[in-house]
Amino acid sequence: MASVKIRILDNGPLKVEGPIELVDANGNPIETKKDTVFLCRCGASTKKPFCDGAHSRIGFQAAAQAVPESAE
């Protein structure tokens, strides 16, 4: 079985490592050319869903830690 690892980068994007299938809200595939992609978390990227570094320019501050009660 293929393994996918998602890492939350401090005040930055989600780093997704491994073979993935990425689809938009309508179910259309979004091409990923590499086995590692960085997905925007701040909402300011001009290359959504991918990160373009906008989090640095806008001073994005993420929550300090994940909220355990939010996991379901």
Protein backbone atom coordinates (compact mmCIF):
# COMPACT_ATOMS: atom_id res chain seq x y z
CA MET A 1 0.00 0.00 0.00
CA ALA A 2 1.26 3.46 -0.87
CA SER A 3 2.12 5.74 2.01
CA VAL A 4 1.17 9.41 2.10
CA LYS A 5 2.53 11.79 4.73
CA ILE A 6 1.00 15.22 5.40
CA ARG A 7 3.08 17.63 7.44
CA ILE A 8 1.73 20.94 8.76
CA LEU A 9 4.48 23.52 8.35
CA ASP A 10 4.68 26.30 10.95
CA ASN A 11 2.81 29.34 9.59
CA GLY A 12 3.02 27.82 6.14
CA PRO A 13 1.47 25.28 3.78
CA LEU A 14 0.64 21.61 4.09
CA LYS A 15 3.50 19.47 2.76
CA VAL A 16 2.06 16.33 1.16
CA GLU A 17 4.53 13.55 0.38
CA GLY A 18 3.64 10.43 -1.56
CA PRO A 19 1.44 9.47 -4.47
CA ILE A 20 -1.89 11.31 -4.25
CA GLU A 21 -4.93 11.99 -6.38
CA LEU A 22 -5.94 15.63 -6.02
CA VAL A 23 -9.42 16.68 -7.16
CA ASP A 24 -11.28 20.00 -7.09
CA ALA A 25 -14.71 20.67 -5.58
CA ASN A 26 -16.38 19.42 -8.78
CA GLY A 27 -14.44 16.16 -8.82
CA ASN A 28 -12.09 17.23 -11.62
CA PRO A 29 -8.52 15.98 -11.28
CA ILE A 30 -5.76 18.49 -10.59
CA GLU A 31 -2.44 17.41 -12.05
CA THR A 32 0.44 16.96 -9.65
CA LYS A 33 3.79 16.51 -11.35
CA LYS A 34 5.75 15.45 -8.28
CA ASP A 35 5.33 13.12 -5.31
CA THR A 36 5.72 16.12 -2.97
CA VAL A 37 3.34 19.07 -3.17
CA PHE A 38 2.73 22.08 -0.94
CA LEU A 39 -0.93 23.02 -0.49
CA CYS A 40 -1.97 26.56 0.47
CA ARG A 41 -3.31 26.99 3.98
CA CYS A 42 -3.40 30.80 4.23
CA GLY A 43 -5.84 31.42 1.36
CA ALA A 44 -3.67 34.07 -0.32
CA SER A 45 -1.90 31.96 -2.95
CA THR A 46 -2.44 32.88 -6.59
CA LYS A 47 -1.73 29.23 -7.53
CA LYS A 48 -4.39 27.56 -5.35
CA PRO A 49 -4.58 24.86 -4.27
CA PHE A 50 -0.78 25.04 -4.36
CA CYS A 51 1.35 27.32 -2.19
CA ASP A 52 3.17 30.23 -3.85
CA GLY A 53 4.80 31.62 -0.70
CA ALA A 54 2.09 34.23 -0.08
CA HIS A 55 1.93 33.19 3.59
CA SER A 56 5.30 34.88 4.13
CA ARG A 57 4.25 38.08 2.40
CA ILE A 58 1.00 38.44 4.35
CA GLY A 59 2.36 37.37 7.74
CA PHE A 60 0.13 34.29 8.04
CA GLN A 61 -0.07 33.05 11.63
CA ALA A 62 -1.48 29.57 12.09
CA ALA A 63 -2.94 28.17 15.28
CA ALA A 64 -0.20 27.11 17.68
CA GLN A 65 -1.37 23.49 17.87
CA ALA A 66 -4.07 21.28 16.44
CA VAL A 67 -7.19 21.12 18.57
CA PRO A 68 -7.54 17.49 19.74
CA GLU A 69 -11.33 17.77 20.05
CA SER A 70 -11.61 18.64 16.35
CA ALA A 71 -10.44 15.20 15.18
CA GLU A 72 -13.27 12.86 14.29
